[in-house]
Amino acid sequence: MACDLWLVPLVDVLCHSPDNPFAEEIARYDKALGEAGLPPVPVYAYMPGLSGDVAPVAGFDYEALHFLRRAYLLKLCGLAVTPVDELGGDYEQLLEMFEEAAQQSHLVWHYDHAGAYVPLDFPAPLADDELLAGGGPLGSAHGLLRELELVAPDLGINPANPPSPPPPPPGPTDLEEPAAPPPPDDSPFARERHVWLGLHAAATRSLAQGAMIVFS
């Protein structure tokens, strides 16, 4: 199944518009952040070169996203990061055995099809009943980037100088349609690397541009 990542610029021309399609989500995130003693979702003044346009930044396969989450959990728990051909019981066992560690991870503890990452730095994903009912845990783009950089060397990626990310999908992809195939890669971690590059592009652009990352 296809998974898209979109960037939502947190600029006033979008966020303060009465037609803002993300108004309910941002209000929900502001409430959760406030209850955690954190500032609200930042909204930036318009500057030339910025707009309120929402655009795709990456696309990959849902299963490949779980491949990357598995690799990160192995790394986090001090186990050897090994490639696999398909997801099996070992991933479920990792989630069960290291559930507390998984719940502290911005990369792992996140719904596949909804939820968001915001350009605020906080240690662990936020999750309350309202967030979980409305789309899933709220993650930090800073935290996501840190976790991607931690697992990168195990995937053969230099986080200080990663390869260029693959092009984003030209438009929305349907949940049930197959994801576009990743570019050729001889690495045994080819699928993990493809997702890593897409998430890394999203996280770095989120922080550079002041944008929210959303799954669709």
Protein backbone atom coordinates (compact mmCIF):
# COMPACT_ATOMS: atom_id res chain seq x y z
CA MET A 1 0.00 0.00 0.00
CA ALA A 2 1.16 3.50 -0.80
CA CYS A 3 2.06 6.01 1.89
CA ASP A 4 2.46 9.72 1.14
CA LEU A 5 4.14 12.40 3.24
CA TRP A 6 2.99 15.99 2.76
CA LEU A 7 4.40 19.28 4.00
CA VAL A 8 1.94 21.81 5.37
CA PRO A 9 3.64 25.25 5.57
CA LEU A 10 2.80 26.81 8.93
CA VAL A 11 2.42 30.30 7.50
CA ASP A 12 -0.25 32.77 8.51
CA VAL A 13 -1.77 32.91 5.02
CA LEU A 14 -2.83 29.29 5.52
CA CYS A 15 -3.16 28.88 9.30
CA HIS A 16 -5.14 32.11 9.84
CA SER A 17 -7.38 31.57 6.86
CA PRO A 18 -11.04 30.79 7.67
CA ASP A 19 -10.78 28.06 5.02
CA ASN A 20 -7.75 26.38 6.62
CA PRO A 21 -8.43 22.64 6.15
CA PHE A 22 -6.10 21.81 9.06
CA ALA A 23 -7.74 24.10 11.63
CA GLU A 24 -9.24 21.27 13.70
CA GLU A 25 -6.02 19.27 13.69
CA ILE A 26 -3.90 22.26 14.73
CA ALA A 27 -6.33 23.10 17.54
CA ARG A 28 -6.08 19.50 18.76
CA TYR A 29 -2.28 19.62 18.60
CA ASP A 30 -2.19 22.98 20.44
CA LYS A 31 -4.30 21.47 23.24
CA ALA A 32 -2.03 18.42 23.60
CA LEU A 33 1.11 20.56 23.50
CA GLY A 34 -0.27 22.94 26.09
CA GLU A 35 -1.18 20.08 28.43
CA ALA A 36 2.42 18.85 28.11
CA GLY A 37 3.76 22.30 29.04
CA LEU A 38 4.94 23.01 25.48
CA PRO A 39 4.34 26.00 23.20
CA PRO A 40 1.64 25.77 20.52
CA VAL A 41 2.22 24.82 16.91
CA PRO A 42 4.31 27.70 15.53
CA VAL A 43 2.80 29.94 12.87
CA TYR A 44 5.19 32.05 10.79
CA ALA A 45 4.62 35.36 9.08
CA TYR A 46 4.51 35.26 5.32
CA MET A 47 7.81 35.95 3.57
CA PRO A 48 8.50 36.18 -0.15
CA GLY A 49 9.15 32.71 -1.48
CA LEU A 50 6.81 31.03 1.00
CA SER A 51 3.19 30.21 0.37
CA GLY A 52 0.40 28.28 1.99
CA ASP A 53 0.59 25.56 -0.64
CA VAL A 54 0.46 22.02 0.71
CA ALA A 55 2.64 19.66 -1.34
CA PRO A 56 3.88 16.05 -1.28
CA VAL A 57 7.46 15.57 -0.15
CA ALA A 58 7.90 11.77 -0.23
CA GLY A 59 6.16 8.52 -1.05
CA PHE A 60 6.92 4.91 -0.16
CA ASP A 61 5.35 1.59 0.76
CA TYR A 62 3.77 1.07 4.19
CA GLU A 63 5.58 -2.24 4.66
CA ALA A 64 8.92 -0.58 3.93
CA LEU A 65 8.15 1.99 6.65
CA HIS A 66 7.85 -0.87 9.12
CA PHE A 67 11.15 -2.29 7.84
CA LEU A 68 12.81 0.99 8.84
CA ARG A 69 11.03 1.04 12.21
CA ARG A 70 12.26 -2.51 12.85
CA ALA A 71 15.84 -1.48 12.04
CA TYR A 72 15.63 1.49 14.41
CA LEU A 73 14.22 -0.63 17.25
CA LEU A 74 17.05 -3.15 16.82
CA LYS A 75 19.57 -0.31 16.95
CA LEU A 76 17.89 1.33 19.93
CA CYS A 77 17.85 -1.90 21.91
CA GLY A 78 21.51 -2.74 21.22
CA LEU A 79 20.77 -5.63 18.85
CA ALA A 80 22.35 -6.33 15.47
CA VAL A 81 20.60 -4.48 12.64
CA THR A 82 19.99 -7.22 10.11
CA PRO A 83 18.10 -7.12 6.80
CA VAL A 84 14.93 -9.14 6.20
CA ASP A 85 12.90 -10.04 3.12
CA GLU A 86 9.54 -9.70 4.84
CA LEU A 87 8.14 -8.63 8.16
CA GLY A 88 7.77 -11.52 10.56
CA GLY A 89 7.21 -12.31 14.17
CA ASP A 90 10.51 -10.78 15.24
CA TYR A 91 9.16 -7.27 14.63
CA GLU A 92 6.05 -7.97 16.71
CA GLN A 93 8.25 -9.43 19.45
CA LEU A 94 10.44 -6.32 19.39
CA LEU A 95 7.38 -4.11 19.81
CA GLU A 96 6.16 -6.24 22.72
CA MET A 97 9.51 -6.67 24.47
CA PHE A 98 10.56 -3.04 24.08
CA GLU A 99 7.14 -1.38 24.14
CA GLU A 100 8.24 1.38 26.49
CA ALA A 101 11.20 2.25 24.27
CA ALA A 102 8.97 2.12 21.19
CA GLN A 103 6.50 4.53 22.79
CA GLN A 104 9.32 7.03 23.28
CA SER A 105 10.27 6.93 19.59
CA HIS A 106 9.04 9.56 17.14
CA LEU A 107 9.84 7.20 14.26
CA VAL A 108 8.23 4.05 15.66
CA TRP A 109 5.29 5.28 17.76
CA HIS A 110 3.21 6.82 15.00
CA TYR A 111 0.19 5.84 12.96
CA ASP A 112 0.95 4.98 9.34
CA HIS A 113 -1.96 6.74 7.74
CA ALA A 114 -2.54 9.85 9.85
CA GLY A 115 -1.10 12.07 12.54
CA ALA A 116 1.65 14.62 12.15
CA TYR A 117 5.11 15.88 13.04
CA VAL A 118 5.51 19.53 14.01
CA PRO A 119 8.69 21.67 14.03
CA LEU A 120 8.93 21.75 17.84
CA ASP A 121 11.49 19.86 19.92
CA PHE A 122 10.08 17.59 22.62
CA PRO A 123 11.47 14.30 23.93
CA ALA A 124 8.71 11.76 23.20
CA PRO A 125 5.61 11.60 21.00
CA LEU A 126 2.44 13.00 22.54
CA ALA A 127 -0.56 10.68 22.71
CA ASP A 128 -3.87 11.21 24.47
CA ASP A 129 -7.37 9.93 23.80
CA GLU A 130 -8.25 12.92 21.62
CA LEU A 131 -5.09 12.60 19.51
CA LEU A 132 -5.47 8.85 19.11
CA ALA A 133 -9.10 9.21 18.08
CA GLY A 134 -8.29 12.01 15.66
CA GLY A 135 -5.27 10.61 13.84
CA GLY A 136 -2.58 9.28 16.11
CA PRO A 137 0.40 10.43 18.16
CA LEU A 138 1.94 13.84 17.55
CA GLY A 139 5.65 13.69 16.81
CA SER A 140 8.52 16.16 16.77
CA ALA A 141 10.36 16.79 13.51
CA HIS A 142 13.51 17.39 15.61
CA GLY A 143 13.07 14.04 17.33
CA LEU A 144 12.38 12.25 14.05
CA LEU A 145 15.56 13.69 12.54
CA ARG A 146 17.66 12.60 15.54
CA GLU A 147 16.36 9.05 15.29
CA LEU A 148 16.96 8.88 11.55
CA GLU A 149 20.54 10.05 12.07
CA LEU A 150 21.07 7.39 14.76
CA VAL A 151 20.15 4.44 12.54
CA ALA A 152 21.62 5.84 9.30
CA PRO A 153 25.13 4.27 9.59
CA ASP A 154 23.61 0.81 10.04
CA LEU A 155 21.86 1.25 6.70
CA GLY A 156 25.01 2.41 4.94
CA ILE A 157 24.00 6.09 4.94
CA ASN A 158 26.24 8.95 6.03
CA PRO A 159 23.76 11.21 7.86
CA ALA A 160 26.03 14.22 7.36
CA ASN A 161 26.00 13.71 3.59
CA PRO A 162 23.08 11.47 2.59
CA PRO A 163 22.19 10.62 -1.01
CA SER A 164 19.67 12.78 -2.79
CA PRO A 165 16.10 11.88 -1.88
CA PRO A 166 13.85 10.30 -4.50
CA PRO A 167 11.36 12.63 -6.18
CA PRO A 168 8.03 13.03 -4.39
CA PRO A 169 4.87 11.60 -5.94
CA PRO A 170 3.30 14.02 -8.42
CA GLY A 171 0.02 13.97 -6.51
CA PRO A 172 -2.01 12.02 -3.96
CA THR A 173 -1.86 8.25 -4.17
CA ASP A 174 -4.74 6.08 -3.04
CA LEU A 175 -4.23 3.93 0.05
CA GLU A 176 -4.93 0.73 -1.84
CA GLU A 177 -2.79 1.42 -4.88
CA PRO A 178 0.78 0.13 -4.96
CA ALA A 179 3.55 2.54 -4.07
CA ALA A 180 5.96 3.60 -6.78
CA PRO A 181 8.98 1.28 -6.83
CA PRO A 182 12.13 2.62 -5.16
CA PRO A 183 15.12 3.51 -7.36
CA PRO A 184 17.69 0.77 -7.97
CA ASP A 185 19.78 0.05 -4.88
CA ASP A 186 22.01 -3.00 -4.37
CA SER A 187 22.03 -2.61 -0.59
CA PRO A 188 20.37 -5.35 1.51
CA PHE A 189 18.64 -2.43 3.23
CA ALA A 190 17.32 -0.92 -0.02
CA ARG A 191 13.73 -0.60 1.21
CA GLU A 192 14.75 0.89 4.56
CA ARG A 193 17.07 3.36 2.80
CA HIS A 194 14.30 4.51 0.45
CA VAL A 195 11.98 5.32 3.36
CA TRP A 196 14.86 6.88 5.33
CA LEU A 197 15.61 9.29 2.50
CA GLY A 198 11.96 10.32 2.20
CA LEU A 199 11.53 10.88 5.94
CA HIS A 200 14.87 12.71 6.15
CA ALA A 201 13.84 15.06 3.33
CA ALA A 202 10.54 15.72 5.10
CA ALA A 203 12.15 16.34 8.50
CA THR A 204 14.88 18.66 7.21
CA ARG A 205 12.43 20.67 5.12
CA SER A 206 9.99 20.82 8.04
CA LEU A 207 12.64 22.47 10.18
CA ALA A 208 14.06 24.68 7.43
CA GLN A 209 10.70 25.94 6.14
CA GLY A 210 8.59 25.83 9.30
CA ALA A 211 6.21 23.17 8.05
CA MET A 212 4.15 20.37 9.53
CA ILE A 213 4.57 16.82 8.17
CA VAL A 214 1.38 14.85 7.66
CA PHE A 215 0.78 11.28 6.50
CA SER A 216 -1.88 10.52 3.95
